[in-house]
Protein backbone atom coordinates (compact mmCIF):
# COMPACT_ATOMS: atom_id res chain seq x y z
CA MET A 1 0.04 0.04 -0.03
CA ARG A 2 1.34 3.45 -0.87
CA GLU A 3 2.06 5.13 2.48
CA ASP A 4 3.34 8.18 0.69
CA ILE A 5 -0.15 9.29 -0.48
CA ILE A 6 -0.54 11.85 2.16
CA PRO A 7 -3.72 13.95 2.53
CA ARG A 8 -3.51 17.64 1.68
CA PRO A 9 -4.83 20.28 4.05
CA GLY A 10 -8.54 19.71 4.48
CA PHE A 11 -8.36 15.98 4.07
CA SER A 12 -9.30 13.67 6.89
CA ARG A 13 -6.22 11.52 7.71
CA ARG A 14 -8.50 8.78 9.23
CA ARG A 15 -10.65 8.69 6.21
CA PHE A 16 -7.75 8.80 3.86
CA GLY A 17 -6.03 6.04 5.72
CA ALA A 18 -9.08 3.82 5.48
CA LEU A 19 -9.20 4.57 1.85
CA LEU A 20 -5.74 3.22 1.35
CA VAL A 21 -6.45 0.14 3.25
CA GLY A 22 -9.84 -0.67 1.79
CA GLY A 23 -9.52 0.57 -1.81
CA ILE A 24 -11.42 3.41 -3.29
CA ALA A 25 -14.42 1.53 -4.51
CA ALA A 26 -16.03 -1.88 -4.65
CA GLY A 27 -13.86 -4.10 -6.85
CA ALA A 28 -10.84 -1.76 -6.50
CA VAL A 29 -7.52 -2.90 -5.19
CA MET A 30 -4.66 -0.55 -4.30
CA ARG A 31 -1.32 -2.04 -5.43
CA PRO A 32 2.03 -0.85 -4.00
CA ILE A 33 4.44 0.97 -6.33
CA ARG A 34 7.85 -0.50 -6.83
CA PRO A 35 10.71 1.71 -5.46
CA ALA A 36 11.91 2.16 -9.01
CA GLU A 37 8.52 3.89 -9.84
CA ALA A 38 8.62 6.12 -6.78
CA ALA A 39 7.14 9.56 -7.33
CA PRO A 40 9.09 12.76 -6.61
CA GLU A 41 8.28 14.56 -3.32
CA ASP A 42 5.55 16.75 -4.89
CA VAL A 43 3.53 13.92 -6.47
CA ARG A 44 1.73 10.86 -4.87
CA ILE A 45 1.04 7.78 -6.94
CA ALA A 46 -1.34 4.84 -6.44
CA ASP A 47 -2.32 1.95 -8.75
CA LEU A 48 -6.04 1.04 -8.74
CA ASP A 49 -7.20 -2.44 -10.01
CA TRP A 50 -10.84 -2.05 -10.85
CA VAL A 51 -13.22 -4.64 -12.53
CA ASP A 52 -16.25 -3.52 -14.31
CA GLY A 53 -18.58 -6.48 -13.40
CA ARG A 54 -21.28 -5.46 -15.82
CA ARG A 55 -18.76 -5.86 -18.78
CA ASN A 56 -16.57 -8.49 -17.04
CA ARG A 57 -13.70 -6.32 -17.99
CA ARG A 58 -10.67 -5.16 -15.90
CA VAL A 59 -9.98 -1.51 -15.80
CA PRO A 60 -6.62 -0.83 -14.20
CA ALA A 61 -5.63 2.72 -13.59
CA ARG A 62 -2.78 4.72 -12.08
CA LEU A 63 -3.58 7.77 -10.09
CA TYR A 64 -1.13 10.81 -9.79
CA TRP A 65 -2.31 13.10 -6.83
CA PRO A 66 -1.00 16.54 -5.92
CA SER A 67 1.22 16.95 -2.97
CA PRO A 68 0.10 18.23 0.44
CA GLY A 69 1.70 21.59 -0.30
CA THR A 70 -0.85 22.60 -2.93
CA PRO A 71 -3.67 25.01 -2.13
CA ALA A 72 -6.59 23.56 -0.17
CA GLY A 73 -9.79 22.92 -1.96
CA PRO A 74 -11.10 20.46 -4.61
CA VAL A 75 -8.65 19.76 -7.44
CA PRO A 76 -9.40 19.44 -11.17
CA LEU A 77 -9.01 16.07 -12.66
CA ILE A 78 -7.56 14.79 -16.00
CA VAL A 79 -8.56 11.21 -17.11
CA PHE A 80 -5.97 9.99 -19.52
CA SER A 81 -6.24 7.35 -22.21
CA HIS A 82 -3.07 5.63 -23.54
CA GLY A 83 -2.17 4.79 -27.16
CA LEU A 84 -2.26 1.29 -28.82
CA GLY A 85 0.01 -1.09 -27.00
CA GLN A 86 0.61 1.13 -23.93
CA SER A 87 -0.59 0.86 -20.33
CA ARG A 88 -1.37 2.83 -17.23
CA THR A 89 2.42 3.20 -16.43
CA GLY A 90 3.02 5.12 -19.63
CA TYR A 91 2.99 8.85 -20.12
CA SER A 92 4.35 9.33 -16.60
CA TYR A 93 5.81 12.57 -17.55
CA LEU A 94 2.36 14.02 -18.06
CA GLY A 95 0.89 12.60 -14.79
CA ARG A 96 3.77 13.73 -12.72
CA HIS A 97 3.81 17.31 -14.22
CA TRP A 98 -0.02 17.71 -13.95
CA ALA A 99 -0.04 16.44 -10.40
CA ALA A 100 2.88 18.67 -9.40
CA ASN A 101 0.84 21.58 -10.68
CA GLY A 102 -2.30 20.89 -8.74
CA TYR A 103 -4.28 18.50 -10.96
CA ALA A 104 -5.15 14.95 -10.20
CA SER A 105 -4.35 12.68 -13.14
CA LEU A 106 -5.96 9.30 -13.66
CA HIS A 107 -4.31 7.06 -16.32
CA VAL A 108 -6.68 4.33 -17.48
CA GLN A 109 -5.38 1.12 -18.96
CA HIS A 110 -7.42 -0.48 -21.75
CA VAL A 111 -6.94 -4.22 -21.57
CA GLY A 112 -8.19 -4.97 -25.18
CA SER A 113 -5.68 -2.61 -26.71
CA ASP A 114 -2.74 -2.48 -24.22
CA GLY A 115 0.72 -4.09 -24.21
CA SER A 116 -0.92 -7.46 -24.90
CA VAL A 117 -1.09 -6.43 -28.53
CA TRP A 118 2.65 -6.89 -28.86
CA ALA A 119 2.88 -10.21 -26.86
CA GLY A 120 2.64 -13.69 -28.41
CA ASN A 121 3.31 -15.04 -31.88
CA PRO A 122 4.92 -12.13 -33.89
CA PHE A 123 3.31 -13.45 -37.06
CA GLU A 124 -0.05 -12.64 -35.58
CA VAL A 125 0.65 -9.05 -34.65
CA LEU A 126 -1.45 -7.79 -37.55
CA ASP A 127 -4.46 -9.86 -36.39
CA ARG A 128 -4.08 -8.55 -32.83
CA VAL A 129 -3.81 -4.94 -34.04
CA ASN A 130 -6.90 -5.36 -36.15
CA VAL A 131 -8.86 -6.68 -33.18
CA ALA A 132 -7.55 -3.90 -30.88
CA ALA A 133 -8.41 -1.20 -33.41
CA ASP A 134 -11.89 -2.76 -33.99
CA GLU A 135 -14.91 -0.50 -33.48
CA ARG A 136 -16.05 -2.61 -30.53
CA GLU A 137 -12.77 -1.92 -28.73
CA ALA A 138 -13.02 1.78 -29.44
CA ILE A 139 -16.39 1.78 -27.64
CA ALA A 140 -15.04 -0.33 -24.88
CA ARG A 141 -12.28 2.14 -24.39
CA ALA A 142 -14.72 4.96 -24.02
CA ALA A 143 -16.65 2.94 -21.46
CA ASP A 144 -13.40 2.33 -19.54
CA MET A 145 -13.01 6.15 -19.23
CA SER A 146 -16.55 6.64 -17.86
CA PHE A 147 -16.22 3.62 -15.56
CA ALA A 148 -12.96 4.88 -14.08
CA LEU A 149 -14.60 8.29 -13.63
CA ASP A 150 -17.41 6.54 -11.85
CA GLY A 151 -14.94 4.85 -9.55
CA ILE A 152 -12.96 8.00 -8.66
CA LEU A 153 -16.06 10.04 -8.09
CA GLY A 154 -18.13 7.36 -6.40
CA LYS A 155 -19.62 8.11 -2.97
CA ASP A 156 -17.45 5.30 -1.46
CA SER A 157 -14.29 6.27 -3.22
CA GLY A 158 -12.88 8.71 -0.71
CA PHE A 159 -11.63 10.95 -3.39
CA ALA A 160 -14.86 12.46 -4.64
CA ALA A 161 -15.02 15.25 -2.00
CA PHE A 162 -11.61 16.47 -3.09
CA ILE A 163 -12.20 16.62 -6.89
CA ASP A 164 -13.93 19.56 -8.56
CA PRO A 165 -16.63 17.98 -10.75
CA THR A 166 -16.79 21.19 -12.90
CA ARG A 167 -13.18 20.92 -13.93
CA ILE A 168 -12.79 17.37 -15.43
CA ALA A 169 -10.93 16.89 -18.67
CA ALA A 170 -10.37 13.84 -20.84
CA ALA A 171 -6.90 13.42 -22.54
CA GLY A 172 -5.12 10.88 -24.63
CA HIS A 173 -2.43 10.07 -27.14
CA SER A 174 -2.93 8.47 -30.55
CA TYR A 175 -5.76 5.87 -30.06
CA GLY A 176 -6.26 7.52 -26.75
CA ALA A 177 -6.89 10.81 -28.54
CA ASN A 178 -9.66 9.05 -30.48
CA THR A 179 -11.00 7.88 -27.11
CA THR A 180 -10.90 11.40 -25.76
CA LEU A 181 -12.96 12.54 -28.81
CA ILE A 182 -15.47 9.73 -28.47
CA VAL A 183 -16.25 10.68 -24.78
CA GLY A 184 -16.21 14.27 -25.94
CA GLY A 185 -19.02 13.75 -28.40
CA ALA A 186 -17.89 11.99 -31.58
CA ARG A 187 -20.48 9.90 -33.12
CA VAL A 188 -20.96 7.53 -36.10
CA VAL A 189 -24.07 6.18 -37.92
CA ARG A 190 -24.45 2.42 -38.27
CA GLU A 191 -27.43 0.97 -40.11
CA GLY A 192 -29.33 4.18 -39.55
CA ARG A 193 -28.61 4.29 -35.89
CA THR A 194 -26.32 6.82 -34.29
CA LEU A 195 -23.63 5.47 -31.94
CA GLU A 196 -22.17 7.77 -29.33
CA CYS A 197 -20.51 7.46 -25.95
CA ARG A 198 -20.64 11.13 -24.89
CA ASP A 199 -19.93 11.59 -21.11
CA MET A 200 -21.17 14.94 -20.12
CA ARG A 201 -18.87 15.09 -17.09
CA PHE A 202 -15.88 15.77 -19.32
CA LYS A 203 -15.67 19.53 -19.83
CA ALA A 204 -12.52 19.67 -22.05
CA GLY A 205 -10.29 17.45 -24.08
CA ILE A 206 -6.48 17.23 -24.62
CA VAL A 207 -5.99 15.55 -28.09
CA ILE A 208 -2.50 14.54 -28.71
CA SER A 209 -1.56 12.95 -32.19
CA ALA A 210 -5.12 11.91 -33.04
CA PRO A 211 -5.30 9.29 -35.90
CA PRO A 212 -8.24 9.43 -38.36
CA PHE A 213 -11.24 7.42 -37.65
CA TYR A 214 -10.39 4.55 -39.91
CA GLY A 215 -13.18 3.50 -42.23
CA GLU A 216 -15.03 6.92 -41.77
CA ARG A 217 -14.99 8.96 -44.99
CA ASP A 218 -16.88 11.93 -43.74
CA LEU A 219 -14.73 13.04 -40.69
CA GLN A 220 -16.77 16.12 -40.12
CA ALA A 221 -19.85 14.10 -39.65
CA VAL A 222 -18.10 12.04 -36.95
CA LEU A 223 -16.61 15.08 -35.04
CA ALA A 224 -19.13 17.95 -35.71
CA ALA A 225 -21.09 17.27 -32.58
CA ILE A 226 -18.12 17.87 -30.18
CA THR A 227 -18.72 21.06 -28.28
CA ILE A 228 -16.25 20.86 -25.44
CA PRO A 229 -12.97 22.88 -25.75
CA THR A 230 -10.15 20.84 -27.27
CA PHE A 231 -6.42 21.35 -27.41
CA HIS A 232 -4.77 19.45 -30.32
CA VAL A 233 -1.08 18.64 -30.32
CA THR A 234 0.99 17.12 -33.02
CA ALA A 235 4.38 17.47 -34.73
CA THR A 236 5.64 17.88 -38.34
CA ALA A 237 7.15 14.31 -38.31
CA ASP A 238 4.13 12.87 -36.47
CA VAL A 239 3.55 9.80 -38.87
CA ILE A 240 1.64 6.75 -37.56
CA ALA A 241 3.08 3.45 -38.99
CA LEU A 242 1.55 0.34 -37.68
CA PRO A 243 1.00 -3.10 -39.34
CA GLY A 244 -1.71 -2.47 -41.85
CA ARG A 245 -2.13 1.25 -40.94
CA ARG A 246 -0.29 4.39 -42.00
CA SER A 247 -1.40 7.83 -41.12
CA PRO A 248 0.40 11.16 -42.25
CA VAL A 249 0.54 14.35 -40.32
CA GLN A 250 -2.34 15.79 -42.34
CA ASP A 251 -4.75 13.38 -40.61
CA ARG A 252 -4.00 15.22 -37.34
CA LEU A 253 -4.73 18.61 -38.90
CA ASP A 254 -8.02 17.23 -40.53
CA VAL A 255 -9.16 15.98 -37.12
CA TYR A 256 -8.56 19.47 -35.69
CA GLY A 257 -10.40 21.08 -38.58
CA ALA A 258 -13.37 18.68 -38.26
CA VAL A 259 -14.09 19.06 -34.59
CA GLY A 260 -17.24 21.08 -34.35
CA THR A 261 -16.49 23.39 -31.54
CA SER A 262 -14.85 26.87 -32.17
CA ARG A 263 -13.32 26.67 -28.73
CA LYS A 264 -10.16 24.83 -29.83
CA ALA A 265 -6.52 25.33 -30.34
CA LEU A 266 -3.67 23.70 -32.35
CA ALA A 267 -0.04 23.27 -31.52
CA VAL A 268 2.38 21.68 -34.01
CA PHE A 269 6.05 21.13 -32.97
CA GLN A 270 8.68 21.34 -35.57
CA GLY A 271 10.10 17.83 -35.85
CA GLY A 272 9.38 15.07 -33.46
CA SER A 273 7.92 11.58 -34.28
CA HIS A 274 4.48 10.08 -33.21
CA SER A 275 6.15 8.26 -30.34
CA ILE A 276 7.89 11.41 -28.97
CA PHE A 277 4.81 12.05 -26.93
CA THR A 278 5.19 8.55 -25.14
CA ASP A 279 7.69 7.95 -22.35
CA ARG A 280 10.38 6.92 -24.80
CA PRO A 281 13.40 9.08 -24.03
CA LEU A 282 15.31 9.16 -27.32
CA THR A 283 12.88 9.36 -30.17
CA GLY A 284 13.15 12.69 -31.81
CA GLY A 285 16.63 13.31 -30.43
CA VAL A 286 18.16 13.70 -26.94
CA THR A 287 17.58 17.49 -27.05
CA LEU A 288 14.17 17.76 -28.72
CA ASN A 289 12.55 14.86 -26.84
CA PRO A 290 12.54 16.30 -23.24
CA GLN A 291 11.58 19.75 -24.66
CA VAL A 292 8.58 18.52 -26.44
CA LYS A 293 7.47 16.47 -23.48
CA GLN A 294 7.77 19.46 -21.14
CA ALA A 295 6.09 21.70 -23.54
CA THR A 296 3.18 19.35 -24.15
CA ALA A 297 2.60 18.89 -20.34
CA GLU A 298 2.69 22.67 -19.77
CA GLY A 299 0.63 23.42 -22.91
CA ALA A 300 -2.16 21.18 -21.77
CA LEU A 301 -2.52 22.97 -18.44
CA ALA A 302 -2.20 26.47 -20.13
CA PHE A 303 -5.17 25.48 -22.32
CA LEU A 304 -7.12 24.28 -19.37
CA ASP A 305 -6.57 27.63 -17.66
CA LEU A 306 -8.51 29.04 -20.62
CA ALA A 307 -11.15 26.31 -20.70
CA PHE A 308 -11.79 26.23 -16.98
CA ARG A 309 -11.04 29.68 -15.79
CA GLY A 310 -11.43 31.79 -18.96
CA ASP A 311 -7.92 32.96 -18.72
CA PRO A 312 -6.09 33.20 -22.15
CA SER A 313 -2.83 34.60 -20.83
CA PRO A 314 -1.16 31.32 -19.83
CA LEU A 315 -1.68 29.88 -23.36
CA ALA A 316 -0.39 33.10 -24.80
CA SER A 317 2.71 33.05 -22.69
CA TRP A 318 3.30 29.38 -23.44
CA SER A 319 3.07 30.01 -27.25
CA GLU A 320 5.78 32.80 -26.73
CA THR A 321 7.98 30.70 -24.52
CA TRP A 322 7.93 27.70 -26.85
CA ARG A 323 7.88 29.50 -30.18
CA PRO A 324 11.28 28.24 -31.36
CA LEU A 325 9.92 24.71 -31.21
CA LEU A 326 6.63 25.41 -32.83
CA ALA A 327 5.70 25.24 -36.49
CA VAL A 328 2.18 26.33 -35.58
CA ALA A 329 1.60 28.26 -32.29
CA PRO A 330 -1.97 27.91 -30.63
CA THR A 331 -3.95 31.04 -30.24
CA ALA A 332 -6.61 31.46 -27.51
CA TYR A 333 -10.23 31.47 -28.65
CA PRO A 334 -12.33 34.34 -27.09
CA ALA A 335 -13.36 33.50 -23.50
CA THR A 336 -16.94 34.09 -22.64
CA GLU A 337 -18.07 35.56 -19.31
CA ALA A 338 -19.55 32.21 -18.44
CA SER A 339 -16.19 30.63 -18.61
CA ARG A 340 -14.45 33.11 -16.40
CA HIS A 341 -14.03 32.08 -12.74
CA PRO A 342 -12.10 34.86 -11.05
CA SER A 343 -12.92 33.40 -7.61
CA ARG A 344 -11.00 30.22 -8.29
CA ARG A 345 -7.35 30.27 -7.33
CA ALA A 346 -4.90 29.89 -10.11
CA ARG A 347 -3.12 26.49 -10.07
CA PRO A 348 0.27 26.56 -8.52
CA ARG A 349 3.30 26.47 -10.80
CA SER A 350 6.22 24.12 -10.26
């Protein structure tokens, strides 16, 4: 059990201790983190092993939680969806940065399209990729996101009282970016019936390297119904090359253009591959790799300042700071009065 998950001011230590011993919801198991995975002092980490009994599907997750030193009060939450062949342990640079800056970050593992895709007979990889990329798995991934959100916000979770339900974002890379768009309102029509998995609790989306919706010719019809603010991130060398699938950078730009909301922004890094946004430390080069990671983590929070607090200045400052790395710098959409929350304290900066 993680004993370094310490309640912030305002937490009940007794309640939080019971939470760690008993799990955060029915069917959830807290797993210790190995020493090699230990978090820095300003971040607390716990693994959650949920099972969705209705679907008979495991939904593992890793939670990054802000340190006790952050301001008291409910924290915003980002629910993150990994790319094909990844897991809850990936994209740690995002979880750690977001938690260090006052956000809780819940990284969901999708067992139908996680690292198991690469395990087994190498001659059957194409078959496993096809199954993982199937429409049924895409829908199951969206259901994983909603189930994980149910778990963390459930009345028995112990965390619900410390999360701000008005500031919950979905985020994801690659296949996870598609998952983010699905819970954000993407829809398809099958045999005259509209299929959608919109979860109204997600108020914004962070869309990193989104592939096209394979098999869908009218991308605008799929994405036009998305109304939540979305921040799109890609790079000029962001080419997806998987067995049986190839996607050029233009697909990322087409997804951005087809999203229905006008409350969106696009950042394109100069150089950098599709996998530079994963935890891989060398792709894109030893200099560019950590810079793109840091910029991506910071840019997401700068955009959420606009989406959640109506403050465009952090995104403008981010664009100026990282301009040497950007082929396209994002610009803030006009903030409405309804989106401005001057009473909410700005998130702490690390």
